[in-house]
Amino acid sequence: MNVAEIRKKSAEDLEKTLTELRREQFNLRMQKGTGQLSRPSEVNRVRKAIARVKTVMNERKAGDTK
């Protein structure tokens, strides 16, 4: 998921996406803890996707206050 796709989403969709990504991050952490994680790079991918979504949400919030 790139930034252009994220920017096209509405605020509600961003909230849903963030919830899904956090759930995925939790599941990956559990897999890592039990030694079942097959692709460790997925943890970084999800973490960066969460950061992108939160950045867009904060940009929109900052734009609304001006």
PDB file of N, CA and C in Angstrom:
ATOM      1  N   MET A   1       0.848  -1.167   0.000  1.00  0.00           N
ATOM      2  CA  MET A   1       0.000   0.000   0.000  1.00  0.00           C
ATOM      3  C   MET A   1       0.899   1.239   0.000  1.00  0.00           C
ATOM      4  N   ASN A   2       0.738   2.074  -1.020  1.00  0.00           N
ATOM      5  CA  ASN A   2       1.559   3.273  -1.092  1.00  0.00           C
ATOM      6  C   ASN A   2       0.763   4.494  -0.629  1.00  0.00           C
ATOM      7  N   VAL A   3       1.448   5.607  -0.529  1.00  0.00           N
ATOM      8  CA  VAL A   3       0.845   6.807   0.028  1.00  0.00           C
ATOM      9  C   VAL A   3      -0.289   7.326  -0.857  1.00  0.00           C
ATOM     10  N   ALA A   4      -0.151   7.199  -2.165  1.00  0.00           N
ATOM     11  CA  ALA A   4      -1.194   7.683  -3.070  1.00  0.00           C
ATOM     12  C   ALA A   4      -2.514   6.951  -2.813  1.00  0.00           C
ATOM     13  N   GLU A   5      -2.447   5.659  -2.581  1.00  0.00           N
ATOM     14  CA  GLU A   5      -3.651   4.882  -2.275  1.00  0.00           C
ATOM     15  C   GLU A   5      -4.246   5.310  -0.943  1.00  0.00           C
ATOM     16  N   ILE A   6      -3.396   5.575   0.014  1.00  0.00           N
ATOM     17  CA  ILE A   6      -3.859   5.957   1.344  1.00  0.00           C
ATOM     18  C   ILE A   6      -4.543   7.321   1.304  1.00  0.00           C
ATOM     19  N   ARG A   7      -3.978   8.255   0.552  1.00  0.00           N
ATOM     20  CA  ARG A   7      -4.543   9.604   0.476  1.00  0.00           C
ATOM     21  C   ARG A   7      -5.924   9.625  -0.162  1.00  0.00           C
ATOM     22  N   LYS A   8      -6.245   8.650  -1.000  1.00  0.00           N
ATOM     23  CA  LYS A   8      -7.542   8.585  -1.661  1.00  0.00           C
ATOM     24  C   LYS A   8      -8.654   8.127  -0.722  1.00  0.00           C
ATOM     25  N   LYS A   9      -8.293   7.524   0.395  1.00  0.00           N
ATOM     26  CA  LYS A   9      -9.285   6.962   1.311  1.00  0.00           C
ATOM     27  C   LYS A   9      -9.910   8.043   2.188  1.00  0.00           C
ATOM     28  N   SER A  10     -11.130   7.770   2.611  1.00  0.00           N
ATOM     29  CA  SER A  10     -11.817   8.683   3.522  1.00  0.00           C
ATOM     30  C   SER A  10     -11.307   8.463   4.946  1.00  0.00           C
ATOM     31  N   ALA A  11     -11.724   9.334   5.843  1.00  0.00           N
ATOM     32  CA  ALA A  11     -11.291   9.226   7.236  1.00  0.00           C
ATOM     33  C   ALA A  11     -11.764   7.918   7.861  1.00  0.00           C
ATOM     34  N   GLU A  12     -12.987   7.501   7.534  1.00  0.00           N
ATOM     35  CA  GLU A  12     -13.513   6.243   8.078  1.00  0.00           C
ATOM     36  C   GLU A  12     -12.714   5.059   7.560  1.00  0.00           C
ATOM     37  N   ASP A  13     -12.380   5.091   6.271  1.00  0.00           N
ATOM     38  CA  ASP A  13     -11.588   4.008   5.689  1.00  0.00           C
ATOM     39  C   ASP A  13     -10.196   3.954   6.302  1.00  0.00           C
ATOM     40  N   LEU A  14      -9.639   5.113   6.597  1.00  0.00           N
ATOM     41  CA  LEU A  14      -8.319   5.142   7.234  1.00  0.00           C
ATOM     42  C   LEU A  14      -8.374   4.509   8.617  1.00  0.00           C
ATOM     43  N   GLU A  15      -9.432   4.794   9.362  1.00  0.00           N
ATOM     44  CA  GLU A  15      -9.587   4.196  10.688  1.00  0.00           C
ATOM     45  C   GLU A  15      -9.685   2.671  10.587  1.00  0.00           C
ATOM     46  N   LYS A  16     -10.469   2.193   9.628  1.00  0.00           N
ATOM     47  CA  LYS A  16     -10.616   0.754   9.432  1.00  0.00           C
ATOM     48  C   LYS A  16      -9.291   0.117   9.035  1.00  0.00           C
ATOM     49  N   THR A  17      -8.574   0.787   8.129  1.00  0.00           N
ATOM     50  CA  THR A  17      -7.281   0.271   7.675  1.00  0.00           C
ATOM     51  C   THR A  17      -6.301   0.211   8.830  1.00  0.00           C
ATOM     52  N   LEU A  18      -6.293   1.250   9.655  1.00  0.00           N
ATOM     53  CA  LEU A  18      -5.389   1.278  10.798  1.00  0.00           C
ATOM     54  C   LEU A  18      -5.702   0.146  11.772  1.00  0.00           C
ATOM     55  N   THR A  19      -6.979  -0.097  12.018  1.00  0.00           N
ATOM     56  CA  THR A  19      -7.384  -1.193  12.908  1.00  0.00           C
ATOM     57  C   THR A  19      -6.942  -2.540  12.346  1.00  0.00           C
ATOM     58  N   GLU A  20      -7.131  -2.737  11.051  1.00  0.00           N
ATOM     59  CA  GLU A  20      -6.723  -3.993  10.416  1.00  0.00           C
ATOM     60  C   GLU A  20      -5.213  -4.187  10.493  1.00  0.00           C
ATOM     61  N   LEU A  21      -4.471  -3.107  10.245  1.00  0.00           N
ATOM     62  CA  LEU A  21      -3.013  -3.203  10.296  1.00  0.00           C
ATOM     63  C   LEU A  21      -2.519  -3.490  11.706  1.00  0.00           C
ATOM     64  N   ARG A  22      -3.134  -2.882  12.692  1.00  0.00           N
ATOM     65  CA  ARG A  22      -2.726  -3.146  14.081  1.00  0.00           C
ATOM     66  C   ARG A  22      -3.042  -4.582  14.479  1.00  0.00           C
ATOM     67  N   ARG A  23      -4.164  -5.099  13.996  1.00  0.00           N
ATOM     68  CA  ARG A  23      -4.507  -6.493  14.272  1.00  0.00           C
ATOM     69  C   ARG A  23      -3.492  -7.427  13.604  1.00  0.00           C
ATOM     70  N   GLU A  24      -3.114  -7.089  12.372  1.00  0.00           N
ATOM     71  CA  GLU A  24      -2.118  -7.889  11.666  1.00  0.00           C
ATOM     72  C   GLU A  24      -0.772  -7.831  12.382  1.00  0.00           C
ATOM     73  N   GLN A  25      -0.416  -6.642  12.879  1.00  0.00           N
ATOM     74  CA  GLN A  25       0.828  -6.493  13.617  1.00  0.00           C
ATOM     75  C   GLN A  25       0.821  -7.352  14.881  1.00  0.00           C
ATOM     76  N   PHE A  26      -0.284  -7.372  15.575  1.00  0.00           N
ATOM     77  CA  PHE A  26      -0.406  -8.198  16.773  1.00  0.00           C
ATOM     78  C   PHE A  26      -0.224  -9.675  16.434  1.00  0.00           C
ATOM     79  N   ASN A  27      -0.899 -10.119  15.365  1.00  0.00           N
ATOM     80  CA  ASN A  27      -0.783 -11.525  14.961  1.00  0.00           C
ATOM     81  C   ASN A  27       0.652 -11.881  14.581  1.00  0.00           C
ATOM     82  N   LEU A  28       1.345 -10.977  13.904  1.00  0.00           N
ATOM     83  CA  LEU A  28       2.737 -11.233  13.540  1.00  0.00           C
ATOM     84  C   LEU A  28       3.629 -11.301  14.777  1.00  0.00           C
ATOM     85  N   ARG A  29       3.351 -10.445  15.770  1.00  0.00           N
ATOM     86  CA  ARG A  29       4.131 -10.505  17.010  1.00  0.00           C
ATOM     87  C   ARG A  29       3.920 -11.825  17.733  1.00  0.00           C
ATOM     88  N   MET A  30       2.686 -12.321  17.712  1.00  0.00           N
ATOM     89  CA  MET A  30       2.404 -13.605  18.352  1.00  0.00           C
ATOM     90  C   MET A  30       3.115 -14.737  17.619  1.00  0.00           C
ATOM     91  N   GLN A  31       3.116 -14.679  16.296  1.00  0.00           N
ATOM     92  CA  GLN A  31       3.818 -15.696  15.511  1.00  0.00           C
ATOM     93  C   GLN A  31       5.314 -15.656  15.794  1.00  0.00           C
ATOM     94  N   LYS A  32       5.849 -14.451  15.916  1.00  0.00           N
ATOM     95  CA  LYS A  32       7.271 -14.308  16.207  1.00  0.00           C
ATOM     96  C   LYS A  32       7.594 -14.888  17.576  1.00  0.00           C
ATOM     97  N   GLY A  33       6.734 -14.643  18.539  1.00  0.00           N
ATOM     98  CA  GLY A  33       6.962 -15.132  19.895  1.00  0.00           C
ATOM     99  C   GLY A  33       6.921 -16.641  20.000  1.00  0.00           C
ATOM    100  N   THR A  34       6.091 -17.277  19.175  1.00  0.00           N
ATOM    101  CA  THR A  34       5.988 -18.738  19.216  1.00  0.00           C
ATOM    102  C   THR A  34       6.920 -19.412  18.218  1.00  0.00           C
ATOM    103  N   GLY A  35       7.667 -18.606  17.452  1.00  0.00           N
ATOM    104  CA  GLY A  35       8.616 -19.173  16.502  1.00  0.00           C
ATOM    105  C   GLY A  35       7.985 -19.648  15.206  1.00  0.00           C
ATOM    106  N   GLN A  36       6.787 -19.190  14.892  1.00  0.00           N
ATOM    107  CA  GLN A  36       6.094 -19.632  13.688  1.00  0.00           C
ATOM    108  C   GLN A  36       6.161 -18.618  12.551  1.00  0.00           C
ATOM    109  N   LEU A  37       6.845 -17.510  12.750  1.00  0.00           N
ATOM    110  CA  LEU A  37       6.903 -16.461  11.738  1.00  0.00           C
ATOM    111  C   LEU A  37       7.807 -16.902  10.587  1.00  0.00           C
ATOM    112  N   SER A  38       7.212 -17.030   9.397  1.00  0.00           N
ATOM    113  CA  SER A  38       7.977 -17.515   8.260  1.00  0.00           C
ATOM    114  C   SER A  38       8.691 -16.389   7.508  1.00  0.00           C
ATOM    115  N   ARG A  39       8.103 -15.183   7.502  1.00  0.00           N
ATOM    116  CA  ARG A  39       8.715 -14.053   6.799  1.00  0.00           C
ATOM    117  C   ARG A  39       8.865 -12.877   7.760  1.00  0.00           C
ATOM    118  N   PRO A  40      10.033 -12.739   8.376  1.00  0.00           N
ATOM    119  CA  PRO A  40      10.245 -11.660   9.342  1.00  0.00           C
ATOM    120  C   PRO A  40      10.089 -10.265   8.733  1.00  0.00           C
ATOM    121  N   SER A  41      10.243 -10.126   7.436  1.00  0.00           N
ATOM    122  CA  SER A  41      10.124  -8.813   6.802  1.00  0.00           C
ATOM    123  C   SER A  41       8.696  -8.286   6.844  1.00  0.00           C
ATOM    124  N   GLU A  42       7.719  -9.154   7.072  1.00  0.00           N
ATOM    125  CA  GLU A  42       6.322  -8.731   7.169  1.00  0.00           C
ATOM    126  C   GLU A  42       6.107  -7.786   8.352  1.00  0.00           C
ATOM    127  N   VAL A  43       6.863  -7.974   9.419  1.00  0.00           N
ATOM    128  CA  VAL A  43       6.737  -7.121  10.596  1.00  0.00           C
ATOM    129  C   VAL A  43       7.084  -5.682  10.214  1.00  0.00           C
ATOM    130  N   ASN A  44       8.175  -5.506   9.479  1.00  0.00           N
ATOM    131  CA  ASN A  44       8.585  -4.165   9.061  1.00  0.00           C
ATOM    132  C   ASN A  44       7.595  -3.565   8.069  1.00  0.00           C
ATOM    133  N   ARG A  45       7.065  -4.364   7.167  1.00  0.00           N
ATOM    134  CA  ARG A  45       6.112  -3.877   6.176  1.00  0.00           C
ATOM    135  C   ARG A  45       4.868  -3.325   6.862  1.00  0.00           C
ATOM    136  N   VAL A  46       4.350  -4.070   7.835  1.00  0.00           N
ATOM    137  CA  VAL A  46       3.141  -3.648   8.538  1.00  0.00           C
ATOM    138  C   VAL A  46       3.419  -2.409   9.387  1.00  0.00           C
ATOM    139  N   ARG A  47       4.553  -2.383  10.039  1.00  0.00           N
ATOM    140  CA  ARG A  47       4.907  -1.236  10.873  1.00  0.00           C
ATOM    141  C   ARG A  47       4.991   0.042  10.035  1.00  0.00           C
ATOM    142  N   LYS A  48       5.586  -0.050   8.859  1.00  0.00           N
ATOM    143  CA  LYS A  48       5.711   1.121   7.992  1.00  0.00           C
ATOM    144  C   LYS A  48       4.363   1.528   7.409  1.00  0.00           C
ATOM    145  N   ALA A  49       3.512   0.560   7.129  1.00  0.00           N
ATOM    146  CA  ALA A  49       2.174   0.874   6.621  1.00  0.00           C
ATOM    147  C   ALA A  49       1.366   1.618   7.684  1.00  0.00           C
ATOM    148  N   ILE A  50       1.494   1.201   8.940  1.00  0.00           N
ATOM    149  CA  ILE A  50       0.818   1.892  10.038  1.00  0.00           C
ATOM    150  C   ILE A  50       1.310   3.338  10.118  1.00  0.00           C
ATOM    151  N   ALA A  51       2.609   3.525   9.986  1.00  0.00           N
ATOM    152  CA  ALA A  51       3.181   4.875  10.049  1.00  0.00           C
ATOM    153  C   ALA A  51       2.650   5.739   8.909  1.00  0.00           C
ATOM    154  N   ARG A  52       2.511   5.168   7.719  1.00  0.00           N
ATOM    155  CA  ARG A  52       1.988   5.932   6.584  1.00  0.00           C
ATOM    156  C   ARG A  52       0.551   6.379   6.828  1.00  0.00           C
ATOM    157  N   VAL A  53      -0.259   5.460   7.332  1.00  0.00           N
ATOM    158  CA  VAL A  53      -1.662   5.789   7.582  1.00  0.00           C
ATOM    159  C   VAL A  53      -1.765   6.861   8.650  1.00  0.00           C
ATOM    160  N   LYS A  54      -1.007   6.721   9.721  1.00  0.00           N
ATOM    161  CA  LYS A  54      -1.063   7.707  10.796  1.00  0.00           C
ATOM    162  C   LYS A  54      -0.556   9.065  10.330  1.00  0.00           C
ATOM    163  N   THR A  55       0.437   9.077   9.438  1.00  0.00           N
ATOM    164  CA  THR A  55       0.959  10.335   8.911  1.00  0.00           C
ATOM    165  C   THR A  55      -0.108  11.064   8.111  1.00  0.00           C
ATOM    166  N   VAL A  56      -0.813  10.346   7.249  1.00  0.00           N
ATOM    167  CA  VAL A  56      -1.870  10.962   6.453  1.00  0.00           C
ATOM    168  C   VAL A  56      -2.987  11.470   7.360  1.00  0.00           C
ATOM    169  N   MET A  57      -3.340  10.696   8.375  1.00  0.00           N
ATOM    170  CA  MET A  57      -4.385  11.124   9.305  1.00  0.00           C
ATOM    171  C   MET A  57      -3.974  12.408  10.026  1.00  0.00           C
ATOM    172  N   ASN A  58      -2.709  12.488  10.456  1.00  0.00           N
ATOM    173  CA  ASN A  58      -2.227  13.685  11.151  1.00  0.00           C
ATOM    174  C   ASN A  58      -2.136  14.886  10.214  1.00  0.00           C
ATOM    175  N   GLU A  59      -1.771  14.650   8.958  1.00  0.00           N
ATOM    176  CA  GLU A  59      -1.730  15.745   7.990  1.00  0.00           C
ATOM    177  C   GLU A  59      -3.120  16.332   7.790  1.00  0.00           C
ATOM    178  N   ARG A  60      -4.110  15.467   7.674  1.00  0.00           N
ATOM    179  CA  ARG A  60      -5.478  15.934   7.488  1.00  0.00           C
ATOM    180  C   ARG A  60      -5.967  16.690   8.730  1.00  0.00           C
ATOM    181  N   LYS A  61      -5.606  16.175   9.890  1.00  0.00           N
ATOM    182  CA  LYS A  61      -6.006  16.828  11.142  1.00  0.00           C
ATOM    183  C   LYS A  61      -5.368  18.206  11.245  1.00  0.00           C
ATOM    184  N   ALA A  62      -4.111  18.326  10.890  1.00  0.00           N
ATOM    185  CA  ALA A  62      -3.415  19.607  10.941  1.00  0.00           C
ATOM    186  C   ALA A  62      -3.980  20.566   9.909  1.00  0.00           C
ATOM    187  N   GLY A  63      -4.397  20.061   8.774  1.00  0.00           N
ATOM    188  CA  GLY A  63      -4.981  20.898   7.741  1.00  0.00           C
ATOM    189  C   GLY A  63      -6.337  21.432   8.115  1.00  0.00           C
ATOM    190  N   ASP A  64      -7.083  20.690   8.919  1.00  0.00           N
ATOM    191  CA  ASP A  64      -8.419  21.112   9.349  1.00  0.00           C
ATOM    192  C   ASP A  64      -8.360  22.244  10.370  1.00  0.00           C
ATOM    193  N   THR A  65      -7.291  22.328  11.141  1.00  0.00           N
ATOM    194  CA  THR A  65      -7.213  23.312  12.213  1.00  0.00           C
ATOM    195  C   THR A  65      -6.753  24.667  11.718  1.00  0.00           C
ATOM    196  N   LYS A  66      -6.218  24.727  10.511  1.00  0.00           N
ATOM    197  CA  LYS A  66      -5.698  26.016   9.998  1.00  0.00           C
ATOM    198  C   LYS A  66      -6.803  26.888   9.490  1.00  0.00           C
TER     199      LYS A  66
END
